[in-house]
Amino acid sequence: MTLNYILNAARRDAERKGSKKTTSRLEELQCGEYCEPGYDSKRGLVLANWNDTHETTWIKGQGYVRVAGGECTVMGRLERILDKAGFSTDWSDEYTSCDDCGKYFRTSGDCWDWKQYGESTEHGTICGNCLKGDPEGYLATRIDNPHNAANTAMVDLAAQGFELVADGFANGLHPGMNDNPVKLLEHYRAIMPQQEFVFTYKPSQFYVEFDIWARTKPEGLNYMQMELANGAAGKAMGLEYALA
């Protein structure tokens, strides 16, 4: 059975039962592929709210109450049918799609050491796979930034010229876990003024571990400064800088 065949059958079933809530959920259903590491799209990925629905009505003094016989189990049955047919199913409120490739990555964790494989900025949403195509663009907002660590699943720091400077730092609920990335950055910038720094991290249930990486600043300018100098704003201010 094809995906369209299965979904059309579910829509007809919801219409027969007169379930507006189920019909609405089927209209909001999303189809595509995973780009989340460790996940297999199989024949295709289908995202939805898979909870069964129950029609309600408003009664003055009582608010919304369930309509007798208004239960609809189409969503739950649809998920089971899709699973048996070889499709991957997941919850739509736990994923977002990449603006570049259209594939889906998680926005809520499924384990304590989970890291988001992508990011959303004012410029849009992009997955880890697409970010790998522009490692310096990814690092631009993380260089010398103690509040935004790099995800090593999305960037190879060694390939970008960084070397591990110090590791084993931690901040969390256990005694002694009080390392402060802001103060650590101040310390290393003071003793290594020609270097620029990036933090990496490893989350857990009660604390976060982090390391510090560094590389020599390219001719005294960090990447964000070079981007400004070579962009329209930089040229307008006479800051043009030739990248080596």
Protein backbone atom coordinates (compact mmCIF):
# COMPACT_ATOMS: atom_id res chain seq x y z
CA MET A 1 0.00 0.00 0.00
CA THR A 2 1.22 3.50 -0.83
CA LEU A 3 1.27 6.32 1.68
CA ASN A 4 -1.40 8.28 -0.20
CA TYR A 5 -3.69 5.24 -0.28
CA ILE A 6 -3.39 4.79 3.50
CA LEU A 7 -3.90 8.49 4.27
CA ASN A 8 -6.89 8.83 1.95
CA ALA A 9 -8.53 5.85 3.65
CA ALA A 10 -7.99 7.50 7.04
CA ARG A 11 -9.53 10.76 5.80
CA ARG A 12 -12.63 8.94 4.55
CA ASP A 13 -12.92 7.11 7.86
CA ALA A 14 -12.71 10.40 9.81
CA GLU A 15 -15.36 11.97 7.56
CA ARG A 16 -17.71 9.02 8.04
CA LYS A 17 -17.38 9.37 11.79
CA GLY A 18 -17.93 13.14 11.55
CA SER A 19 -14.78 13.83 13.56
CA LYS A 20 -13.68 17.40 12.84
CA LYS A 21 -10.73 17.11 15.23
CA THR A 22 -9.36 14.04 13.47
CA THR A 23 -9.89 15.62 10.05
CA SER A 24 -7.96 18.68 11.25
CA ARG A 25 -5.09 16.54 12.53
CA LEU A 26 -4.89 14.69 9.24
CA GLU A 27 -4.67 18.03 7.41
CA GLU A 28 -1.75 19.05 9.69
CA LEU A 29 0.10 15.76 9.15
CA GLN A 30 3.69 16.15 7.81
CA CYS A 31 5.61 13.75 5.57
CA GLY A 32 9.32 13.65 4.75
CA GLU A 33 12.59 12.16 5.96
CA TYR A 34 14.71 12.21 9.10
CA CYS A 35 18.07 13.93 9.22
CA GLU A 36 18.32 13.17 12.96
CA PRO A 37 21.40 10.96 13.62
CA GLY A 38 20.49 7.39 14.44
CA TYR A 39 16.97 7.54 12.97
CA ASP A 40 15.79 5.59 9.92
CA SER A 41 13.05 7.03 7.69
CA LYS A 42 12.39 3.55 6.19
CA ARG A 43 9.75 4.04 3.43
CA GLY A 44 9.14 7.60 4.64
CA LEU A 45 8.56 9.62 7.80
CA VAL A 46 5.07 10.68 8.92
CA LEU A 47 4.71 13.21 11.74
CA ALA A 48 1.43 13.92 13.52
CA ASN A 49 -0.41 14.10 16.84
CA TRP A 50 -1.27 10.40 17.14
CA ASN A 51 -3.58 10.70 20.13
CA ASP A 52 -7.16 9.60 19.52
CA THR A 53 -9.70 12.42 19.54
CA HIS A 54 -13.05 13.04 21.20
CA GLU A 55 -15.54 15.62 19.97
CA THR A 56 -16.64 18.22 22.51
CA THR A 57 -19.40 20.80 22.79
CA TRP A 58 -19.76 23.99 24.82
CA ILE A 59 -22.38 24.00 27.58
CA LYS A 60 -22.99 27.19 29.52
CA GLY A 61 -21.88 26.83 33.10
CA GLN A 62 -19.92 23.65 32.32
CA GLY A 63 -17.54 24.68 29.54
CA TYR A 64 -16.49 22.12 26.95
CA VAL A 65 -17.82 18.62 27.61
CA ARG A 66 -17.36 15.42 25.64
CA VAL A 67 -20.09 14.44 23.22
CA ALA A 68 -21.54 10.98 23.84
CA GLY A 69 -20.24 8.63 21.16
CA GLY A 70 -17.82 11.30 19.91
CA GLU A 71 -14.67 9.25 20.36
CA CYS A 72 -12.60 8.68 17.19
CA THR A 73 -9.72 6.18 17.12
CA VAL A 74 -8.57 6.89 13.55
CA MET A 75 -5.22 8.47 14.55
CA GLY A 76 -4.11 5.58 16.72
CA ARG A 77 -5.12 3.00 14.12
CA LEU A 78 -3.44 5.02 11.36
CA GLU A 79 -0.14 5.02 13.24
CA ARG A 80 -0.27 1.24 13.70
CA ILE A 81 -1.10 0.70 10.02
CA LEU A 82 1.76 2.94 8.89
CA ASP A 83 4.21 1.14 11.18
CA LYS A 84 3.14 -2.24 9.77
CA ALA A 85 3.46 -0.88 6.23
CA GLY A 86 7.11 0.02 6.86
CA PHE A 87 6.84 3.78 7.46
CA SER A 88 8.41 5.67 10.36
CA THR A 89 6.01 7.59 12.59
CA ASP A 90 6.80 10.22 15.18
CA TRP A 91 5.27 13.16 17.06
CA SER A 92 5.02 16.41 15.10
CA ASP A 93 5.54 18.66 18.14
CA GLU A 94 9.02 17.16 18.70
CA TYR A 95 10.46 18.00 15.25
CA THR A 96 11.08 20.85 12.85
CA SER A 97 12.13 20.84 9.22
CA CYS A 98 15.28 22.27 7.67
CA ASP A 99 14.66 25.25 5.38
CA ASP A 100 17.45 24.05 3.07
CA CYS A 101 16.90 20.30 2.57
CA GLY A 102 13.40 19.92 4.05
CA LYS A 103 14.38 17.00 6.28
CA TYR A 104 13.37 16.79 9.94
CA PHE A 105 15.41 16.96 13.17
CA ARG A 106 14.36 16.81 16.80
CA THR A 107 13.69 19.93 18.87
CA SER A 108 13.11 18.05 22.12
CA GLY A 109 15.42 15.46 23.59
CA ASP A 110 14.89 11.70 23.67
CA CYS A 111 17.72 11.03 26.16
CA TRP A 112 19.77 12.96 28.74
CA ASP A 113 22.82 13.42 26.53
CA TRP A 114 20.83 14.49 23.45
CA LYS A 115 22.09 17.48 21.43
CA GLN A 116 19.96 19.30 18.89
CA TYR A 117 21.14 18.45 15.37
CA GLY A 118 20.44 21.86 13.86
CA GLU A 119 19.49 25.36 14.90
CA SER A 120 16.92 28.09 14.37
CA THR A 121 18.02 31.70 13.95
CA GLU A 122 16.58 34.92 12.58
CA HIS A 123 17.73 33.66 9.17
CA GLY A 124 15.71 30.43 9.38
CA THR A 125 16.02 26.81 10.45
CA ILE A 126 18.88 24.60 9.25
CA CYS A 127 19.83 21.00 10.07
CA GLY A 128 23.23 19.65 11.06
CA ASN A 129 23.80 18.07 7.65
CA CYS A 130 23.40 21.41 5.87
CA LEU A 131 25.41 23.27 8.53
CA LYS A 132 28.37 20.98 7.76
CA GLY A 133 28.57 22.66 4.36
CA ASP A 134 29.45 25.99 6.02
CA PRO A 135 31.53 25.21 9.12
CA GLU A 136 32.92 28.73 9.49
CA GLY A 137 29.43 30.18 9.24
CA TYR A 138 28.34 27.83 12.03
CA LEU A 139 31.33 28.78 14.19
CA ALA A 140 30.86 32.53 13.64
CA THR A 141 28.38 32.80 16.52
CA ARG A 142 30.40 30.50 18.78
CA ILE A 143 33.93 31.89 18.60
CA ASP A 144 34.79 33.63 21.88
CA ASN A 145 31.21 33.07 23.04
CA PRO A 146 30.88 31.37 26.45
CA HIS A 147 27.08 31.20 26.11
CA ASN A 148 26.90 29.23 22.84
CA ALA A 149 28.92 26.02 22.60
CA ALA A 150 29.62 24.09 19.40
CA ASN A 151 28.05 20.70 18.67
CA THR A 152 30.87 18.41 17.54
CA ALA A 153 28.36 16.30 15.59
CA MET A 154 27.94 19.27 13.23
CA VAL A 155 31.49 20.60 12.95
CA ASP A 156 35.00 19.08 12.92
CA LEU A 157 36.96 21.58 15.01
CA ALA A 158 40.33 19.99 14.22
CA ALA A 159 39.61 20.36 10.50
CA GLN A 160 38.95 24.06 11.12
CA GLY A 161 42.33 24.51 12.79
CA PHE A 162 41.27 24.23 16.44
CA GLU A 163 43.17 22.28 19.08
CA LEU A 164 41.91 21.14 22.48
CA VAL A 165 43.27 23.50 25.15
CA ALA A 166 41.59 22.22 28.32
CA ASP A 167 38.88 19.70 29.16
CA GLY A 168 37.02 18.18 32.08
CA PHE A 169 35.12 21.29 33.17
CA ALA A 170 31.64 20.85 34.64
CA ASN A 171 28.75 22.90 35.94
CA GLY A 172 25.77 21.34 37.68
CA LEU A 173 24.10 20.16 40.84
CA HIS A 174 26.88 18.01 42.30
CA PRO A 175 29.40 19.49 44.78
CA GLY A 176 32.39 21.10 43.10
CA MET A 177 30.70 21.40 39.71
CA ASN A 178 30.89 25.17 39.52
CA ASP A 179 33.17 25.92 36.57
CA ASN A 180 32.16 29.18 34.92
CA PRO A 181 32.67 29.42 31.12
CA VAL A 182 32.60 33.24 31.22
CA LYS A 183 35.47 33.39 33.71
CA LEU A 184 37.35 30.60 31.92
CA LEU A 185 37.17 32.49 28.63
CA GLU A 186 38.48 35.63 30.32
CA HIS A 187 41.36 33.62 31.79
CA TYR A 188 42.43 31.95 28.55
CA ARG A 189 42.07 35.11 26.48
CA ALA A 190 44.39 36.86 28.94
CA ILE A 191 47.13 34.22 28.74
CA MET A 192 46.64 33.39 25.03
CA PRO A 193 45.77 36.75 23.42
CA GLN A 194 46.52 35.62 19.85
CA GLN A 195 44.02 32.77 20.06
CA GLU A 196 40.26 32.57 19.52
CA PHE A 197 38.24 30.05 21.49
CA VAL A 198 35.27 27.73 21.12
CA PHE A 199 33.50 25.70 23.80
CA THR A 200 32.14 22.18 23.24
CA TYR A 201 29.74 20.48 25.62
CA LYS A 202 28.26 17.18 26.76
CA PRO A 203 24.91 17.37 28.60
CA SER A 204 23.64 14.94 31.22
CA GLN A 205 20.74 14.79 33.65
CA PHE A 206 22.22 16.90 36.44
CA TYR A 207 25.22 18.70 34.95
CA VAL A 208 26.97 19.80 31.79
CA GLU A 209 30.58 18.97 30.95
CA PHE A 210 32.50 21.26 28.62
CA ASP A 211 35.90 21.67 26.98
CA ILE A 212 37.79 24.61 25.46
CA TRP A 213 39.33 24.64 21.97
CA ALA A 214 41.54 27.32 20.42
CA ARG A 215 43.18 28.36 17.18
CA THR A 216 45.35 31.29 16.14
CA LYS A 217 43.38 34.32 15.03
CA PRO A 218 43.82 34.86 11.27
CA GLU A 219 46.02 37.96 11.12
CA GLY A 220 44.43 39.40 14.23
CA LEU A 221 40.82 39.33 12.99
CA ASN A 222 38.27 36.74 14.04
CA TYR A 223 35.81 35.25 11.58
CA MET A 224 32.92 37.56 12.46
CA GLN A 225 35.12 40.61 11.91
CA MET A 226 36.22 39.29 8.50
CA GLU A 227 32.62 38.62 7.52
CA LEU A 228 31.75 42.22 8.41
CA ALA A 229 34.73 43.58 6.48
CA ASN A 230 33.89 41.58 3.37
CA GLY A 231 30.16 42.22 3.54
CA ALA A 232 28.23 45.18 2.19
CA ALA A 233 28.29 46.94 5.56
CA GLY A 234 32.03 46.49 5.90
CA LYS A 235 32.76 47.77 2.41
CA ALA A 236 30.56 50.80 3.01
CA MET A 237 32.71 51.62 6.03
CA GLY A 238 35.97 51.06 4.14
CA LEU A 239 36.81 47.92 6.11
CA GLU A 240 37.43 45.60 3.16
CA TYR A 241 39.80 42.83 4.15
CA ALA A 242 41.24 40.20 1.82
CA LEU A 243 40.89 36.69 3.12
CA ALA A 244 43.96 34.53 2.69
